[in-house]
Amino acid sequence: PEKYQKFKREFDTLMSGAAQYAGMRPRINTDTQQTVDALY
């Protein structure tokens, strides 16, 4: 349960950031898209 809570917070934070990025992705240049896509 302890590790679950740690990973759950990290997972939720990552998914939240990815969703936010997905909303702005079409307005970003291709090079930046490729870089940030690779990061996620």
PDB file of all heavy atoms in Angstrom:
ATOM      1  N   PRO A   1       0.796  -1.232   0.000  1.00  0.00           N
ATOM      2  CA  PRO A   1       0.000   0.000   0.000  1.00  0.00           C
ATOM      3  C   PRO A   1       0.831   1.287   0.000  1.00  0.00           C
ATOM      4  O   PRO A   1       0.442   2.275  -0.633  1.00  0.00           O
ATOM      5  CB  PRO A   1      -0.840  -0.105   1.268  1.00  0.00           C
ATOM      6  CG  PRO A   1      -0.904  -1.560   1.562  1.00  0.00           C
ATOM      7  CD  PRO A   1       0.402  -2.124   1.088  1.00  0.00           C
ATOM      8  N   GLU A   2       1.975   1.297   0.677  1.00  0.00           N
ATOM      9  CA  GLU A   2       2.810   2.511   0.715  1.00  0.00           C
ATOM     10  C   GLU A   2       3.373   2.830  -0.671  1.00  0.00           C
ATOM     11  O   GLU A   2       3.328   3.974  -1.118  1.00  0.00           O
ATOM     12  CB  GLU A   2       3.950   2.357   1.720  1.00  0.00           C
ATOM     13  CG  GLU A   2       3.500   2.446   3.159  1.00  0.00           C
ATOM     14  CD  GLU A   2       4.674   2.274   4.116  1.00  0.00           C
ATOM     15  OE1 GLU A   2       5.799   2.680   3.762  1.00  0.00           O
ATOM     16  OE2 GLU A   2       4.448   1.741   5.208  1.00  0.00           O
ATOM     17  N   LYS A   3       3.913   1.807  -1.306  1.00  0.00           N
ATOM     18  CA  LYS A   3       4.465   2.029  -2.646  1.00  0.00           C
ATOM     19  C   LYS A   3       3.355   2.340  -3.634  1.00  0.00           C
ATOM     20  O   LYS A   3       3.536   3.112  -4.575  1.00  0.00           O
ATOM     21  CB  LYS A   3       5.293   0.833  -3.100  1.00  0.00           C
ATOM     22  CG  LYS A   3       6.611   0.755  -2.361  1.00  0.00           C
ATOM     23  CD  LYS A   3       7.478  -0.356  -2.868  1.00  0.00           C
ATOM     24  CE  LYS A   3       8.780  -0.379  -2.068  1.00  0.00           C
ATOM     25  NZ  LYS A   3       9.613  -1.514  -2.412  1.00  0.00           N
ATOM     26  N   TYR A   4       2.183   1.719  -3.424  1.00  0.00           N
ATOM     27  CA  TYR A   4       1.041   2.022  -4.279  1.00  0.00           C
ATOM     28  C   TYR A   4       0.737   3.514  -4.235  1.00  0.00           C
ATOM     29  O   TYR A   4       0.559   4.138  -5.285  1.00  0.00           O
ATOM     30  CB  TYR A   4      -0.193   1.219  -3.846  1.00  0.00           C
ATOM     31  CG  TYR A   4      -1.471   1.764  -4.449  1.00  0.00           C
ATOM     32  CD1 TYR A   4      -1.795   1.492  -5.773  1.00  0.00           C
ATOM     33  CD2 TYR A   4      -2.320   2.595  -3.713  1.00  0.00           C
ATOM     34  CE1 TYR A   4      -2.947   2.015  -6.342  1.00  0.00           C
ATOM     35  CE2 TYR A   4      -3.476   3.115  -4.266  1.00  0.00           C
ATOM     36  CZ  TYR A   4      -3.785   2.827  -5.593  1.00  0.00           C
ATOM     37  OH  TYR A   4      -4.915   3.365  -6.153  1.00  0.00           O
ATOM     38  N   GLN A   5       0.676   4.097  -3.035  1.00  0.00           N
ATOM     39  CA  GLN A   5       0.372   5.523  -2.904  1.00  0.00           C
ATOM     40  C   GLN A   5       1.413   6.380  -3.610  1.00  0.00           C
ATOM     41  O   GLN A   5       1.071   7.346  -4.298  1.00  0.00           O
ATOM     42  CB  GLN A   5       0.287   5.916  -1.420  1.00  0.00           C
ATOM     43  CG  GLN A   5      -0.961   5.433  -0.727  1.00  0.00           C
ATOM     44  CD  GLN A   5      -2.222   5.990  -1.360  1.00  0.00           C
ATOM     45  OE1 GLN A   5      -2.280   7.138  -1.793  1.00  0.00           O
ATOM     46  NE2 GLN A   5      -3.251   5.156  -1.443  1.00  0.00           N
ATOM     47  N   LYS A   6       2.677   6.022  -3.463  1.00  0.00           N
ATOM     48  CA  LYS A   6       3.766   6.762  -4.113  1.00  0.00           C
ATOM     49  C   LYS A   6       3.621   6.708  -5.634  1.00  0.00           C
ATOM     50  O   LYS A   6       3.655   7.733  -6.315  1.00  0.00           O
ATOM     51  CB  LYS A   6       5.117   6.181  -3.688  1.00  0.00           C
ATOM     52  CG  LYS A   6       6.311   6.774  -4.418  1.00  0.00           C
ATOM     53  CD  LYS A   6       7.571   5.954  -4.132  1.00  0.00           C
ATOM     54  CE  LYS A   6       8.714   6.341  -5.014  1.00  0.00           C
ATOM     55  NZ  LYS A   6       8.779   5.672  -6.277  1.00  0.00           N
ATOM     56  N   PHE A   7       3.459   5.491  -6.157  1.00  0.00           N
ATOM     57  CA  PHE A   7       3.334   5.330  -7.604  1.00  0.00           C
ATOM     58  C   PHE A   7       2.038   5.943  -8.134  1.00  0.00           C
ATOM     59  O   PHE A   7       2.011   6.506  -9.236  1.00  0.00           O
ATOM     60  CB  PHE A   7       3.409   3.856  -8.000  1.00  0.00           C
ATOM     61  CG  PHE A   7       4.796   3.298  -8.008  1.00  0.00           C
ATOM     62  CD1 PHE A   7       5.107   2.190  -7.229  1.00  0.00           C
ATOM     63  CD2 PHE A   7       5.797   3.849  -8.782  1.00  0.00           C
ATOM     64  CE1 PHE A   7       6.388   1.651  -7.237  1.00  0.00           C
ATOM     65  CE2 PHE A   7       7.081   3.323  -8.805  1.00  0.00           C
ATOM     66  CZ  PHE A   7       7.380   2.228  -8.028  1.00  0.00           C
ATOM     67  N   LYS A   8       0.977   5.860  -7.357  1.00  0.00           N
ATOM     68  CA  LYS A   8      -0.317   6.424  -7.780  1.00  0.00           C
ATOM     69  C   LYS A   8      -0.199   7.934  -7.944  1.00  0.00           C
ATOM     70  O   LYS A   8      -0.692   8.503  -8.926  1.00  0.00           O
ATOM     71  CB  LYS A   8      -1.397   6.060  -6.750  1.00  0.00           C
ATOM     72  CG  LYS A   8      -2.763   6.631  -7.044  1.00  0.00           C
ATOM     73  CD  LYS A   8      -3.418   5.930  -8.200  1.00  0.00           C
ATOM     74  CE  LYS A   8      -4.881   6.367  -8.278  1.00  0.00           C
ATOM     75  NZ  LYS A   8      -5.357   6.402  -9.642  1.00  0.00           N
ATOM     76  N   ARG A   9       0.448   8.600  -6.982  1.00  0.00           N
ATOM     77  CA  ARG A   9       0.649  10.053  -7.096  1.00  0.00           C
ATOM     78  C   ARG A   9       1.475  10.388  -8.335  1.00  0.00           C
ATOM     79  O   ARG A   9       1.144  11.292  -9.095  1.00  0.00           O
ATOM     80  CB  ARG A   9       1.338  10.599  -5.847  1.00  0.00           C
ATOM     81  CG  ARG A   9       0.430  10.866  -4.681  1.00  0.00           C
ATOM     82  CD  ARG A   9       1.126  11.633  -3.563  1.00  0.00           C
ATOM     83  NE  ARG A   9       2.333  10.976  -3.080  1.00  0.00           N
ATOM     84  CZ  ARG A   9       2.355  10.043  -2.137  1.00  0.00           C
ATOM     85  NH1 ARG A   9       1.229   9.647  -1.570  1.00  0.00           N
ATOM     86  NH2 ARG A   9       3.488   9.503  -1.745  1.00  0.00           N
ATOM     87  N   GLU A  10       2.551   9.630  -8.532  1.00  0.00           N
ATOM     88  CA  GLU A  10       3.424   9.871  -9.684  1.00  0.00           C
ATOM     89  C   GLU A  10       2.673   9.618 -10.998  1.00  0.00           C
ATOM     90  O   GLU A  10       2.785  10.388 -11.952  1.00  0.00           O
ATOM     91  CB  GLU A  10       4.659   8.973  -9.587  1.00  0.00           C
ATOM     92  CG  GLU A  10       5.756   9.347 -10.548  1.00  0.00           C
ATOM     93  CD  GLU A  10       7.028   8.526 -10.338  1.00  0.00           C
ATOM     94  OE1 GLU A  10       7.218   7.919  -9.269  1.00  0.00           O
ATOM     95  OE2 GLU A  10       7.841   8.503 -11.286  1.00  0.00           O
ATOM     96  N   PHE A  11       1.896   8.536 -11.057  1.00  0.00           N
ATOM     97  CA  PHE A  11       1.124   8.192 -12.245  1.00  0.00           C
ATOM     98  C   PHE A  11       0.102   9.279 -12.551  1.00  0.00           C
ATOM     99  O   PHE A  11      -0.014   9.735 -13.687  1.00  0.00           O
ATOM    100  CB  PHE A  11       0.433   6.835 -12.038  1.00  0.00           C
ATOM    101  CG  PHE A  11      -0.254   6.293 -13.258  1.00  0.00           C
ATOM    102  CD1 PHE A  11       0.452   5.556 -14.194  1.00  0.00           C
ATOM    103  CD2 PHE A  11      -1.607   6.507 -13.451  1.00  0.00           C
ATOM    104  CE1 PHE A  11      -0.187   5.036 -15.320  1.00  0.00           C
ATOM    105  CE2 PHE A  11      -2.250   6.002 -14.572  1.00  0.00           C
ATOM    106  CZ  PHE A  11      -1.538   5.267 -15.515  1.00  0.00           C
ATOM    107  N   ASP A  12      -0.647   9.697 -11.520  1.00  0.00           N
ATOM    108  CA  ASP A  12      -1.665  10.733 -11.717  1.00  0.00           C
ATOM    109  C   ASP A  12      -1.048  12.051 -12.172  1.00  0.00           C
ATOM    110  O   ASP A  12      -1.590  12.724 -13.050  1.00  0.00           O
ATOM    111  CB  ASP A  12      -2.473  10.938 -10.438  1.00  0.00           C
ATOM    112  CG  ASP A  12      -3.392   9.767 -10.132  1.00  0.00           C
ATOM    113  OD1 ASP A  12      -3.615   8.914 -11.025  1.00  0.00           O
ATOM    114  OD2 ASP A  12      -3.886   9.694  -8.990  1.00  0.00           O
ATOM    115  N   THR A  13       0.088  12.418 -11.591  1.00  0.00           N
ATOM    116  CA  THR A  13       0.773  13.649 -11.979  1.00  0.00           C
ATOM    117  C   THR A  13       1.229  13.573 -13.432  1.00  0.00           C
ATOM    118  O   THR A  13       1.055  14.524 -14.206  1.00  0.00           O
ATOM    119  CB  THR A  13       1.986  13.911 -11.051  1.00  0.00           C
ATOM    120  OG1 THR A  13       1.513  14.038  -9.714  1.00  0.00           O
ATOM    121  CG2 THR A  13       2.738  15.163 -11.452  1.00  0.00           C
ATOM    122  N   LEU A  14       1.791  12.440 -13.801  1.00  0.00           N
ATOM    123  CA  LEU A  14       2.259  12.249 -15.173  1.00  0.00           C
ATOM    124  C   LEU A  14       1.100  12.296 -16.161  1.00  0.00           C
ATOM    125  O   LEU A  14       1.181  12.970 -17.202  1.00  0.00           O
ATOM    126  CB  LEU A  14       3.014  10.915 -15.297  1.00  0.00           C
ATOM    127  CG  LEU A  14       3.620  10.577 -16.656  1.00  0.00           C
ATOM    128  CD1 LEU A  14       4.615  11.639 -17.096  1.00  0.00           C
ATOM    129  CD2 LEU A  14       4.287   9.212 -16.594  1.00  0.00           C
ATOM    130  N   MET A  15       0.011  11.628 -15.857  1.00  0.00           N
ATOM    131  CA  MET A  15      -1.148  11.618 -16.753  1.00  0.00           C
ATOM    132  C   MET A  15      -1.791  13.006 -16.852  1.00  0.00           C
ATOM    133  O   MET A  15      -2.228  13.421 -17.916  1.00  0.00           O
ATOM    134  CB  MET A  15      -2.194  10.597 -16.285  1.00  0.00           C
ATOM    135  CG  MET A  15      -1.751   9.153 -16.436  1.00  0.00           C
ATOM    136  SD  MET A  15      -1.318   8.696 -18.116  1.00  0.00           S
ATOM    137  CE  MET A  15       0.454   8.480 -17.973  1.00  0.00           C
ATOM    138  N   SER A  16      -1.806  13.729 -15.756  1.00  0.00           N
ATOM    139  CA  SER A  16      -2.334  15.088 -15.770  1.00  0.00           C
ATOM    140  C   SER A  16      -1.484  15.987 -16.678  1.00  0.00           C
ATOM    141  O   SER A  16      -2.014  16.754 -17.481  1.00  0.00           O
ATOM    142  CB  SER A  16      -2.373  15.642 -14.352  1.00  0.00           C
ATOM    143  OG  SER A  16      -2.777  16.977 -14.348  1.00  0.00           O
ATOM    144  N   GLY A  17      -0.163  15.878 -16.531  1.00  0.00           N
ATOM    145  CA  GLY A  17       0.735  16.658 -17.380  1.00  0.00           C
ATOM    146  C   GLY A  17       0.596  16.284 -18.843  1.00  0.00           C
ATOM    147  O   GLY A  17       0.601  17.148 -19.725  1.00  0.00           O
ATOM    148  N   ALA A  18       0.447  14.986 -19.117  1.00  0.00           N
ATOM    149  CA  ALA A  18       0.298  14.524 -20.499  1.00  0.00           C
ATOM    150  C   ALA A  18      -1.008  15.036 -21.102  1.00  0.00           C
ATOM    151  O   ALA A  18      -1.043  15.448 -22.268  1.00  0.00           O
ATOM    152  CB  ALA A  18       0.352  13.004 -20.550  1.00  0.00           C
ATOM    153  N   ALA A  19      -2.064  15.043 -20.311  1.00  0.00           N
ATOM    154  CA  ALA A  19      -3.352  15.546 -20.810  1.00  0.00           C
ATOM    155  C   ALA A  19      -3.271  17.042 -21.095  1.00  0.00           C
ATOM    156  O   ALA A  19      -3.787  17.519 -22.114  1.00  0.00           O
ATOM    157  CB  ALA A  19      -4.452  15.256 -19.794  1.00  0.00           C
ATOM    158  N   GLN A  20      -2.618  17.763 -20.219  1.00  0.00           N
ATOM    159  CA  GLN A  20      -2.449  19.204 -20.425  1.00  0.00           C
ATOM    160  C   GLN A  20      -1.618  19.459 -21.690  1.00  0.00           C
ATOM    161  O   GLN A  20      -1.955  20.314 -22.506  1.00  0.00           O
ATOM    162  CB  GLN A  20      -1.773  19.801 -19.201  1.00  0.00           C
ATOM    163  CG  GLN A  20      -1.795  21.306 -19.163  1.00  0.00           C
ATOM    164  CD  GLN A  20      -1.215  21.809 -17.844  1.00  0.00           C
ATOM    165  OE1 GLN A  20      -0.338  21.201 -17.248  1.00  0.00           O
ATOM    166  NE2 GLN A  20      -1.723  22.952 -17.391  1.00  0.00           N
ATOM    167  N   TYR A  21      -0.540  18.709 -21.852  1.00  0.00           N
ATOM    168  CA  TYR A  21       0.311  18.847 -23.036  1.00  0.00           C
ATOM    169  C   TYR A  21      -0.470  18.499 -24.306  1.00  0.00           C
ATOM    170  O   TYR A  21      -0.357  19.194 -25.318  1.00  0.00           O
ATOM    171  CB  TYR A  21       1.547  17.949 -22.908  1.00  0.00           C
ATOM    172  CG  TYR A  21       2.278  17.740 -24.205  1.00  0.00           C
ATOM    173  CD1 TYR A  21       2.882  18.803 -24.864  1.00  0.00           C
ATOM    174  CD2 TYR A  21       2.369  16.482 -24.783  1.00  0.00           C
ATOM    175  CE1 TYR A  21       3.543  18.617 -26.063  1.00  0.00           C
ATOM    176  CE2 TYR A  21       3.028  16.289 -25.974  1.00  0.00           C
ATOM    177  CZ  TYR A  21       3.612  17.357 -26.616  1.00  0.00           C
ATOM    178  OH  TYR A  21       4.267  17.163 -27.806  1.00  0.00           O
ATOM    179  N   ALA A  22      -1.287  17.451 -24.253  1.00  0.00           N
ATOM    180  CA  ALA A  22      -2.060  17.036 -25.427  1.00  0.00           C
ATOM    181  C   ALA A  22      -2.975  18.159 -25.912  1.00  0.00           C
ATOM    182  O   ALA A  22      -3.192  18.315 -27.116  1.00  0.00           O
ATOM    183  CB  ALA A  22      -2.877  15.788 -25.115  1.00  0.00           C
ATOM    184  N   GLY A  23      -3.485  18.956 -24.982  1.00  0.00           N
ATOM    185  CA  GLY A  23      -4.356  20.068 -25.358  1.00  0.00           C
ATOM    186  C   GLY A  23      -3.632  21.182 -26.091  1.00  0.00           C
ATOM    187  O   GLY A  23      -4.209  21.854 -26.942  1.00  0.00           O
ATOM    188  N   MET A  24      -2.362  21.362 -25.801  1.00  0.00           N
ATOM    189  CA  MET A  24      -1.620  22.442 -26.461  1.00  0.00           C
ATOM    190  C   MET A  24      -0.716  21.943 -27.582  1.00  0.00           C
ATOM    191  O   MET A  24      -0.172  22.730 -28.337  1.00  0.00           O
ATOM    192  CB  MET A  24      -0.800  23.229 -25.438  1.00  0.00           C
ATOM    193  CG  MET A  24       0.331  22.455 -24.808  1.00  0.00           C
ATOM    194  SD  MET A  24       1.310  23.428 -23.657  1.00  0.00           S
ATOM    195  CE  MET A  24       0.162  23.629 -22.319  1.00  0.00           C
ATOM    196  N   ARG A  25      -0.556  20.641 -27.694  1.00  0.00           N
ATOM    197  CA  ARG A  25       0.369  20.048 -28.665  1.00  0.00           C
ATOM    198  C   ARG A  25       0.176  20.549 -30.091  1.00  0.00           C
ATOM    199  O   ARG A  25       1.156  20.834 -30.775  1.00  0.00           O
ATOM    200  CB  ARG A  25       0.256  18.522 -28.617  1.00  0.00           C
ATOM    201  CG  ARG A  25       1.284  17.820 -29.469  1.00  0.00           C
ATOM    202  CD  ARG A  25       1.127  16.304 -29.328  1.00  0.00           C
ATOM    203  NE  ARG A  25       2.169  15.609 -30.042  1.00  0.00           N
ATOM    204  CZ  ARG A  25       2.117  15.324 -31.336  1.00  0.00           C
ATOM    205  NH1 ARG A  25       1.062  15.668 -32.055  1.00  0.00           N
ATOM    206  NH2 ARG A  25       3.120  14.690 -31.916  1.00  0.00           N
ATOM    207  N   PRO A  26      -1.061  20.667 -30.589  1.00  0.00           N
ATOM    208  CA  PRO A  26      -1.226  21.109 -31.983  1.00  0.00           C
ATOM    209  C   PRO A  26      -0.671  22.517 -32.266  1.00  0.00           C
ATOM    210  O   PRO A  26      -0.388  22.844 -33.410  1.00  0.00           O
ATOM    211  CB  PRO A  26      -2.743  21.086 -32.199  1.00  0.00           C
ATOM    212  CG  PRO A  26      -3.265  20.168 -31.151  1.00  0.00           C
ATOM    213  CD  PRO A  26      -2.337  20.300 -29.981  1.00  0.00           C
ATOM    214  N   ARG A  27      -0.500  23.319 -31.249  1.00  0.00           N
ATOM    215  CA  ARG A  27      -0.021  24.695 -31.456  1.00  0.00           C
ATOM    216  C   ARG A  27       1.498  24.812 -31.323  1.00  0.00           C
ATOM    217  O   ARG A  27       2.042  25.910 -31.389  1.00  0.00           O
ATOM    218  CB  ARG A  27      -0.699  25.623 -30.451  1.00  0.00           C
ATOM    219  CG  ARG A  27      -2.220  25.678 -30.621  1.00  0.00           C
ATOM    220  CD  ARG A  27      -2.824  26.615 -29.623  1.00  0.00           C
ATOM    221  NE  ARG A  27      -2.461  26.220 -28.266  1.00  0.00           N
ATOM    222  CZ  ARG A  27      -3.304  25.979 -27.289  1.00  0.00           C
ATOM    223  NH1 ARG A  27      -4.578  26.078 -27.513  1.00  0.00           N
ATOM    224  NH2 ARG A  27      -2.896  25.651 -26.103  1.00  0.00           N
ATOM    225  N   ILE A  28       2.168  23.689 -31.136  1.00  0.00           N
ATOM    226  CA  ILE A  28       3.609  23.691 -30.904  1.00  0.00           C
ATOM    227  C   ILE A  28       4.312  23.192 -32.166  1.00  0.00           C
ATOM    228  O   ILE A  28       3.800  22.316 -32.862  1.00  0.00           O
ATOM    229  CB  ILE A  28       3.948  22.772 -29.702  1.00  0.00           C
ATOM    230  CG1 ILE A  28       3.285  23.312 -28.442  1.00  0.00           C
ATOM    231  CG2 ILE A  28       5.440  22.655 -29.507  1.00  0.00           C
ATOM    232  CD1 ILE A  28       3.374  22.396 -27.255  1.00  0.00           C
ATOM    233  N   ASN A  29       5.523  23.725 -32.435  1.00  0.00           N
ATOM    234  CA  ASN A  29       6.235  23.303 -33.649  1.00  0.00           C
ATOM    235  C   ASN A  29       6.639  21.833 -33.573  1.00  0.00           C
ATOM    236  O   ASN A  29       6.728  21.244 -32.494  1.00  0.00           O
ATOM    237  CB  ASN A  29       7.431  24.225 -33.942  1.00  0.00           C
ATOM    238  CG  ASN A  29       8.607  23.990 -33.022  1.00  0.00           C
ATOM    239  OD1 ASN A  29       9.132  22.885 -32.953  1.00  0.00           O
ATOM    240  ND2 ASN A  29       9.035  25.030 -32.322  1.00  0.00           N
ATOM    241  N   THR A  30       6.892  21.255 -34.724  1.00  0.00           N
ATOM    242  CA  THR A  30       7.148  19.824 -34.844  1.00  0.00           C
ATOM    243  C   THR A  30       8.356  19.359 -34.038  1.00  0.00           C
ATOM    244  O   THR A  30       8.308  18.300 -33.395  1.00  0.00           O
ATOM    245  CB  THR A  30       7.343  19.452 -36.324  1.00  0.00           C
ATOM    246  OG1 THR A  30       6.197  19.894 -37.055  1.00  0.00           O
ATOM    247  CG2 THR A  30       7.486  17.955 -36.512  1.00  0.00           C
ATOM    248  N   ASP A  31       9.438  20.118 -34.056  1.00  0.00           N
ATOM    249  CA  ASP A  31      10.624  19.716 -33.292  1.00  0.00           C
ATOM    250  C   ASP A  31      10.322  19.631 -31.799  1.00  0.00           C
ATOM    251  O   ASP A  31      10.732  18.684 -31.125  1.00  0.00           O
ATOM    252  CB  ASP A  31      11.786  20.688 -33.526  1.00  0.00           C
ATOM    253  CG  ASP A  31      12.361  20.580 -34.923  1.00  0.00           C
ATOM    254  OD1 ASP A  31      12.181  19.524 -35.570  1.00  0.00           O
ATOM    255  OD2 ASP A  31      12.990  21.556 -35.386  1.00  0.00           O
ATOM    256  N   THR A  32       9.603  20.614 -31.289  1.00  0.00           N
ATOM    257  CA  THR A  32       9.239  20.605 -29.875  1.00  0.00           C
ATOM    258  C   THR A  32       8.297  19.442 -29.581  1.00  0.00           C
ATOM    259  O   THR A  32       8.429  18.763 -28.558  1.00  0.00           O
ATOM    260  CB  THR A  32       8.592  21.945 -29.469  1.00  0.00           C
ATOM    261  OG1 THR A  32       9.527  22.996 -29.748  1.00  0.00           O
ATOM    262  CG2 THR A  32       8.230  21.967 -28.005  1.00  0.00           C
ATOM    263  N   GLN A  33       7.348  19.192 -30.476  1.00  0.00           N
ATOM    264  CA  GLN A  33       6.439  18.054 -30.304  1.00  0.00           C
ATOM    265  C   GLN A  33       7.210  16.753 -30.184  1.00  0.00           C
ATOM    266  O   GLN A  33       6.957  15.954 -29.275  1.00  0.00           O
ATOM    267  CB  GLN A  33       5.474  17.937 -31.492  1.00  0.00           C
ATOM    268  CG  GLN A  33       4.374  18.935 -31.507  1.00  0.00           C
ATOM    269  CD  GLN A  33       3.477  18.755 -32.728  1.00  0.00           C
ATOM    270  OE1 GLN A  33       3.646  17.837 -33.529  1.00  0.00           O
ATOM    271  NE2 GLN A  33       2.517  19.649 -32.879  1.00  0.00           N
ATOM    272  N   GLN A  34       8.143  16.533 -31.082  1.00  0.00           N
ATOM    273  CA  GLN A  34       8.914  15.295 -31.065  1.00  0.00           C
ATOM    274  C   GLN A  34       9.702  15.153 -29.763  1.00  0.00           C
ATOM    275  O   GLN A  34       9.780  14.072 -29.182  1.00  0.00           O
ATOM    276  CB  GLN A  34       9.846  15.229 -32.267  1.00  0.00           C
ATOM    277  CG  GLN A  34       9.100  15.027 -33.565  1.00  0.00           C
ATOM    278  CD  GLN A  34      10.006  15.108 -34.785  1.00  0.00           C
ATOM    279  OE1 GLN A  34      11.145  15.558 -34.705  1.00  0.00           O
ATOM    280  NE2 GLN A  34       9.489  14.671 -35.916  1.00  0.00           N
ATOM    281  N   THR A  35      10.274  16.253 -29.298  1.00  0.00           N
ATOM    282  CA  THR A  35      11.069  16.228 -28.070  1.00  0.00           C
ATOM    283  C   THR A  35      10.192  15.936 -26.859  1.00  0.00           C
ATOM    284  O   THR A  35      10.511  15.061 -26.041  1.00  0.00           O
ATOM    285  CB  THR A  35      11.814  17.560 -27.883  1.00  0.00           C
ATOM    286  OG1 THR A  35      12.649  17.779 -29.023  1.00  0.00           O
ATOM    287  CG2 THR A  35      12.651  17.558 -26.625  1.00  0.00           C
ATOM    288  N   VAL A  36       9.090  16.649 -26.742  1.00  0.00           N
ATOM    289  CA  VAL A  36       8.211  16.471 -25.577  1.00  0.00           C
ATOM    290  C   VAL A  36       7.503  15.114 -25.643  1.00  0.00           C
ATOM    291  O   VAL A  36       7.326  14.459 -24.614  1.00  0.00           O
ATOM    292  CB  VAL A  36       7.223  17.652 -25.447  1.00  0.00           C
ATOM    293  CG1 VAL A  36       6.259  17.431 -24.288  1.00  0.00           C
ATOM    294  CG2 VAL A  36       7.988  18.956 -25.257  1.00  0.00           C
ATOM    295  N   ASP A  37       7.129  14.673 -26.845  1.00  0.00           N
ATOM    296  CA  ASP A  37       6.547  13.330 -26.988  1.00  0.00           C
ATOM    297  C   ASP A  37       7.517  12.280 -26.467  1.00  0.00           C
ATOM    298  O   ASP A  37       7.132  11.367 -25.728  1.00  0.00           O
ATOM    299  CB  ASP A  37       6.233  13.020 -28.460  1.00  0.00           C
ATOM    300  CG  ASP A  37       5.059  13.808 -29.014  1.00  0.00           C
ATOM    301  OD1 ASP A  37       4.392  14.544 -28.251  1.00  0.00           O
ATOM    302  OD2 ASP A  37       4.819  13.704 -30.235  1.00  0.00           O
ATOM    303  N   ALA A  38       8.784  12.417 -26.857  1.00  0.00           N
ATOM    304  CA  ALA A  38       9.809  11.463 -26.405  1.00  0.00           C
ATOM    305  C   ALA A  38       9.967  11.519 -24.886  1.00  0.00           C
ATOM    306  O   ALA A  38      10.140  10.482 -24.238  1.00  0.00           O
ATOM    307  CB  ALA A  38      11.142  11.751 -27.093  1.00  0.00           C
ATOM    308  N   LEU A  39       9.905  12.719 -24.330  1.00  0.00           N
ATOM    309  CA  LEU A  39      10.022  12.871 -22.877  1.00  0.00           C
ATOM    310  C   LEU A  39       8.883  12.136 -22.166  1.00  0.00           C
ATOM    311  O   LEU A  39       9.123  11.371 -21.229  1.00  0.00           O
ATOM    312  CB  LEU A  39      10.007  14.351 -22.488  1.00  0.00           C
ATOM    313  CG  LEU A  39       9.949  14.638 -20.989  1.00  0.00           C
ATOM    314  CD1 LEU A  39      11.211  14.157 -20.300  1.00  0.00           C
ATOM    315  CD2 LEU A  39       9.728  16.121 -20.751  1.00  0.00           C
ATOM    316  N   TYR A  40       7.642  12.347 -22.616  1.00  0.00           N
ATOM    317  CA  TYR A  40       6.508  11.670 -21.983  1.00  0.00           C
ATOM    318  C   TYR A  40       6.563  10.167 -22.200  1.00  0.00           C
ATOM    319  O   TYR A  40       6.229   9.390 -21.315  1.00  0.00           O
ATOM    320  CB  TYR A  40       5.171  12.244 -22.464  1.00  0.00           C
ATOM    321  CG  TYR A  40       4.768  13.447 -21.672  1.00  0.00           C
ATOM    322  CD1 TYR A  40       4.874  14.728 -22.195  1.00  0.00           C
ATOM    323  CD2 TYR A  40       4.308  13.312 -20.362  1.00  0.00           C
ATOM    324  CE1 TYR A  40       4.521  15.845 -21.448  1.00  0.00           C
ATOM    325  CE2 TYR A  40       3.954  14.421 -19.603  1.00  0.00           C
ATOM    326  CZ  TYR A  40       4.058  15.675 -20.156  1.00  0.00           C
ATOM    327  OH  TYR A  40       3.716  16.772 -19.407  1.00  0.00           O
TER     328      TYR A  40
END
